[in-house]
N, C-alpha and C. Protein backbone atom coordinates (compact mmCIF):
# COMPACT_ATOMS: atom_id res chain seq x y z
N UNK A 1 101.23 -38.16 -59.25
CA UNK A 1 100.49 -38.97 -58.30
C UNK A 1 99.18 -39.43 -58.95
N UNK A 2 99.27 -40.32 -59.96
CA UNK A 2 98.04 -40.70 -60.67
C UNK A 2 97.15 -41.70 -59.93
N UNK A 3 97.67 -42.44 -58.95
CA UNK A 3 96.86 -43.38 -58.18
C UNK A 3 96.72 -42.89 -56.75
N UNK A 4 95.57 -43.20 -56.16
CA UNK A 4 95.29 -42.77 -54.81
C UNK A 4 94.53 -43.89 -54.11
N UNK A 5 94.95 -44.25 -52.90
CA UNK A 5 94.28 -45.28 -52.12
C UNK A 5 93.67 -44.65 -50.87
N UNK A 6 92.44 -45.03 -50.58
CA UNK A 6 91.75 -44.58 -49.38
C UNK A 6 91.38 -45.83 -48.60
N UNK A 7 91.75 -45.90 -47.34
CA UNK A 7 91.40 -47.07 -46.52
C UNK A 7 90.74 -46.64 -45.22
N UNK A 8 89.88 -47.51 -44.72
CA UNK A 8 89.30 -47.32 -43.40
C UNK A 8 88.91 -48.69 -42.86
N UNK A 9 88.86 -48.82 -41.56
CA UNK A 9 88.41 -50.06 -40.96
C UNK A 9 86.91 -50.18 -41.18
N UNK A 10 86.44 -51.39 -41.52
CA UNK A 10 85.03 -51.59 -41.82
C UNK A 10 84.14 -51.19 -40.65
N UNK A 11 84.60 -51.42 -39.45
CA UNK A 11 83.79 -51.03 -38.29
C UNK A 11 83.80 -49.52 -38.08
N UNK A 12 84.60 -48.79 -38.87
CA UNK A 12 84.72 -47.34 -38.73
C UNK A 12 84.38 -46.65 -40.05
N UNK A 13 83.26 -47.05 -40.68
CA UNK A 13 82.90 -46.48 -41.98
C UNK A 13 82.79 -44.95 -41.94
N UNK A 14 82.64 -44.42 -40.73
CA UNK A 14 82.51 -42.97 -40.60
C UNK A 14 83.86 -42.30 -40.33
N UNK A 15 84.95 -43.02 -40.58
CA UNK A 15 86.29 -42.46 -40.42
C UNK A 15 86.93 -42.94 -39.15
N UNK A 16 88.18 -42.64 -38.94
CA UNK A 16 89.04 -41.88 -39.84
C UNK A 16 89.47 -42.71 -41.05
N UNK A 17 89.94 -42.02 -42.08
CA UNK A 17 90.46 -42.67 -43.28
C UNK A 17 91.95 -42.42 -43.39
N UNK A 18 92.67 -43.43 -43.82
CA UNK A 18 94.08 -43.25 -44.15
C UNK A 18 94.13 -42.89 -45.63
N UNK A 19 94.77 -41.77 -45.95
CA UNK A 19 94.77 -41.26 -47.33
C UNK A 19 96.17 -41.09 -47.90
N UNK A 20 97.20 -41.46 -47.17
CA UNK A 20 98.54 -41.31 -47.70
C UNK A 20 99.59 -41.93 -46.81
N UNK A 21 100.79 -42.04 -47.37
CA UNK A 21 101.93 -42.51 -46.59
C UNK A 21 102.91 -41.36 -46.41
N UNK A 22 104.05 -41.64 -45.82
CA UNK A 22 104.98 -40.55 -45.50
C UNK A 22 105.56 -39.85 -46.72
N UNK A 23 105.41 -40.43 -47.91
CA UNK A 23 105.92 -39.81 -49.13
C UNK A 23 104.82 -39.10 -49.93
N UNK A 24 103.62 -39.01 -49.38
CA UNK A 24 102.51 -38.38 -50.08
C UNK A 24 102.68 -36.86 -50.16
N UNK A 25 102.04 -36.27 -51.15
CA UNK A 25 102.10 -34.83 -51.39
C UNK A 25 101.44 -34.07 -50.23
N UNK A 26 102.21 -33.28 -49.48
CA UNK A 26 101.64 -32.56 -48.33
C UNK A 26 100.51 -31.61 -48.71
N UNK A 27 100.59 -31.01 -49.88
CA UNK A 27 99.53 -30.09 -50.32
C UNK A 27 98.20 -30.85 -50.50
N UNK A 28 98.28 -32.02 -51.13
CA UNK A 28 97.08 -32.84 -51.31
C UNK A 28 96.55 -33.30 -49.96
N UNK A 29 97.44 -33.63 -49.04
CA UNK A 29 97.01 -34.07 -47.71
C UNK A 29 96.29 -32.94 -46.97
N UNK A 30 96.78 -31.71 -47.12
CA UNK A 30 96.08 -30.56 -46.51
C UNK A 30 94.70 -30.39 -47.12
N UNK A 31 94.60 -30.58 -48.45
CA UNK A 31 93.32 -30.48 -49.15
C UNK A 31 92.30 -31.47 -48.58
N UNK A 32 92.79 -32.62 -48.13
CA UNK A 32 91.92 -33.64 -47.55
C UNK A 32 91.78 -33.51 -46.03
N UNK A 33 92.38 -32.47 -45.46
CA UNK A 33 92.29 -32.27 -44.02
C UNK A 33 93.00 -33.33 -43.22
N UNK A 34 94.05 -33.90 -43.79
CA UNK A 34 94.76 -35.01 -43.16
C UNK A 34 95.91 -34.53 -42.28
N UNK A 35 96.20 -35.32 -41.27
CA UNK A 35 97.33 -35.07 -40.38
C UNK A 35 98.28 -36.26 -40.46
N UNK A 36 99.57 -35.98 -40.41
CA UNK A 36 100.58 -37.04 -40.45
C UNK A 36 100.68 -37.66 -39.05
N UNK A 37 100.55 -39.00 -38.99
CA UNK A 37 100.55 -39.68 -37.70
C UNK A 37 101.41 -40.93 -37.77
N UNK A 38 101.94 -41.29 -36.62
CA UNK A 38 102.67 -42.57 -36.48
C UNK A 38 102.04 -43.28 -35.28
N UNK A 39 101.45 -44.42 -35.55
CA UNK A 39 100.81 -45.21 -34.50
C UNK A 39 101.87 -45.94 -33.68
N UNK A 40 101.58 -46.20 -32.43
CA UNK A 40 102.49 -46.92 -31.56
C UNK A 40 102.86 -48.26 -32.18
N UNK A 41 104.15 -48.52 -32.26
CA UNK A 41 104.63 -49.78 -32.80
C UNK A 41 104.88 -49.77 -34.30
N UNK A 42 104.39 -48.76 -35.01
CA UNK A 42 104.63 -48.68 -36.45
C UNK A 42 105.97 -48.00 -36.71
N UNK A 43 106.61 -48.41 -37.78
CA UNK A 43 107.88 -47.79 -38.15
C UNK A 43 107.70 -46.81 -39.30
N UNK A 44 106.47 -46.49 -39.64
CA UNK A 44 106.19 -45.58 -40.74
C UNK A 44 105.04 -44.65 -40.36
N UNK A 45 104.94 -43.55 -41.08
CA UNK A 45 103.88 -42.58 -40.85
C UNK A 45 102.79 -42.75 -41.90
N UNK A 46 101.57 -42.37 -41.54
CA UNK A 46 100.46 -42.32 -42.48
C UNK A 46 99.77 -40.97 -42.33
N UNK A 47 99.07 -40.56 -43.37
CA UNK A 47 98.23 -39.37 -43.31
C UNK A 47 96.81 -39.82 -43.06
N UNK A 48 96.17 -39.25 -42.04
CA UNK A 48 94.85 -39.66 -41.62
C UNK A 48 93.91 -38.45 -41.60
N UNK A 49 92.69 -38.64 -42.11
CA UNK A 49 91.69 -37.59 -42.10
C UNK A 49 90.44 -38.06 -41.38
N UNK A 50 89.72 -37.16 -40.76
CA UNK A 50 88.47 -37.49 -40.07
C UNK A 50 87.30 -37.55 -41.04
N UNK A 51 87.53 -37.23 -42.31
CA UNK A 51 86.45 -37.27 -43.30
C UNK A 51 85.92 -38.68 -43.51
N UNK A 52 84.66 -38.78 -43.89
CA UNK A 52 84.08 -40.06 -44.30
C UNK A 52 84.71 -40.48 -45.62
N UNK A 53 84.75 -41.78 -45.91
CA UNK A 53 85.29 -42.21 -47.20
C UNK A 53 84.61 -41.50 -48.39
N UNK A 54 83.30 -41.33 -48.32
CA UNK A 54 82.58 -40.64 -49.39
C UNK A 54 83.06 -39.20 -49.54
N UNK A 55 83.29 -38.52 -48.43
CA UNK A 55 83.75 -37.14 -48.49
C UNK A 55 85.15 -37.05 -49.09
N UNK A 56 86.01 -38.01 -48.76
CA UNK A 56 87.34 -38.05 -49.36
C UNK A 56 87.22 -38.22 -50.86
N UNK A 57 86.40 -39.17 -51.30
CA UNK A 57 86.24 -39.42 -52.73
C UNK A 57 85.62 -38.22 -53.45
N UNK A 58 84.68 -37.53 -52.79
CA UNK A 58 84.10 -36.32 -53.38
C UNK A 58 85.17 -35.26 -53.61
N UNK A 59 86.04 -35.08 -52.64
CA UNK A 59 87.11 -34.08 -52.78
C UNK A 59 88.11 -34.48 -53.87
N UNK A 60 88.44 -35.77 -53.91
CA UNK A 60 89.39 -36.23 -54.93
C UNK A 60 88.80 -36.11 -56.33
N UNK A 61 87.49 -36.27 -56.46
CA UNK A 61 86.86 -36.08 -57.77
C UNK A 61 87.04 -34.65 -58.25
N UNK A 62 87.02 -33.69 -57.33
CA UNK A 62 87.26 -32.29 -57.70
C UNK A 62 88.66 -32.09 -58.28
N UNK A 63 89.59 -32.97 -57.91
CA UNK A 63 90.97 -32.90 -58.40
C UNK A 63 91.18 -33.78 -59.64
N UNK A 64 90.10 -34.39 -60.15
CA UNK A 64 90.20 -35.18 -61.37
C UNK A 64 90.33 -36.67 -61.18
N UNK A 65 90.26 -37.16 -59.94
CA UNK A 65 90.36 -38.59 -59.67
C UNK A 65 89.02 -39.28 -59.89
N UNK A 66 89.07 -40.50 -60.37
CA UNK A 66 87.87 -41.33 -60.58
C UNK A 66 88.06 -42.65 -59.83
N UNK A 67 86.98 -43.11 -59.21
CA UNK A 67 87.01 -44.39 -58.51
C UNK A 67 87.13 -45.51 -59.54
N UNK A 68 88.11 -46.39 -59.36
CA UNK A 68 88.26 -47.50 -60.30
C UNK A 68 88.04 -48.87 -59.65
N UNK A 69 88.14 -48.94 -58.31
CA UNK A 69 87.97 -50.25 -57.67
C UNK A 69 87.79 -50.09 -56.16
N UNK A 70 86.98 -50.97 -55.59
CA UNK A 70 86.90 -51.07 -54.13
C UNK A 70 87.04 -52.54 -53.76
N UNK A 71 87.50 -52.77 -52.57
CA UNK A 71 87.63 -54.14 -52.07
C UNK A 71 87.67 -54.12 -50.55
N UNK A 72 87.49 -55.28 -49.98
CA UNK A 72 87.67 -55.45 -48.54
C UNK A 72 88.82 -56.42 -48.31
N UNK A 73 89.70 -56.05 -47.42
CA UNK A 73 90.83 -56.91 -47.06
C UNK A 73 90.76 -57.09 -45.55
N UNK A 74 90.37 -58.27 -45.12
CA UNK A 74 90.15 -58.48 -43.69
C UNK A 74 89.06 -57.53 -43.21
N UNK A 75 89.38 -56.69 -42.26
CA UNK A 75 88.43 -55.71 -41.73
C UNK A 75 88.68 -54.31 -42.29
N UNK A 76 89.36 -54.24 -43.45
CA UNK A 76 89.71 -52.94 -44.04
C UNK A 76 89.02 -52.75 -45.37
N UNK A 77 88.42 -51.58 -45.57
CA UNK A 77 87.83 -51.17 -46.84
C UNK A 77 88.88 -50.37 -47.60
N UNK A 78 89.09 -50.70 -48.87
CA UNK A 78 90.08 -50.00 -49.70
C UNK A 78 89.40 -49.51 -50.97
N UNK A 79 89.57 -48.24 -51.28
CA UNK A 79 89.10 -47.67 -52.54
C UNK A 79 90.33 -47.20 -53.32
N UNK A 80 90.39 -47.55 -54.60
CA UNK A 80 91.48 -47.12 -55.48
C UNK A 80 90.93 -46.11 -56.46
N UNK A 81 91.58 -44.96 -56.54
CA UNK A 81 91.19 -43.92 -57.47
C UNK A 81 92.35 -43.63 -58.41
N UNK A 82 92.04 -43.10 -59.59
CA UNK A 82 93.06 -42.83 -60.59
C UNK A 82 92.71 -41.56 -61.34
N UNK A 83 93.74 -40.86 -61.78
CA UNK A 83 93.53 -39.76 -62.71
C UNK A 83 94.64 -39.83 -63.74
N UNK A 84 94.34 -39.40 -64.93
CA UNK A 84 95.35 -39.41 -65.99
C UNK A 84 96.48 -38.46 -65.61
N UNK A 85 97.70 -38.88 -65.91
CA UNK A 85 98.86 -38.04 -65.63
C UNK A 85 98.82 -36.79 -66.50
N UNK A 86 99.22 -35.69 -65.92
CA UNK A 86 99.26 -34.43 -66.68
C UNK A 86 100.43 -34.50 -67.66
N UNK A 87 100.24 -33.96 -68.88
CA UNK A 87 101.33 -34.00 -69.87
C UNK A 87 102.63 -33.43 -69.30
N UNK A 88 103.72 -34.14 -69.53
CA UNK A 88 105.03 -33.68 -69.09
C UNK A 88 105.35 -33.98 -67.63
N UNK A 89 104.42 -34.63 -66.89
CA UNK A 89 104.67 -34.89 -65.47
C UNK A 89 105.37 -36.21 -65.23
N UNK A 90 105.49 -37.04 -66.23
CA UNK A 90 106.12 -38.35 -66.05
C UNK A 90 107.57 -38.30 -66.44
């Protein structure tokens, strides 16, 4: 899992943040305090945490992730983080 995306609505800079999809690593999601949720009308699940975006990024840095890009898409803030793949994991 070398790439990680963190999103939040711009009007909700204080959370919640979406930190994963239904195929995300459950152990990492627990580390971020995330819960698996399915919003009304969605056909997929996301992992959501009450942490601030900064708090999510601070925790991911402890796991070796580095921020490589941020952007705004409509009313959504997106941060992309990356960490080098561990030898033999690919």
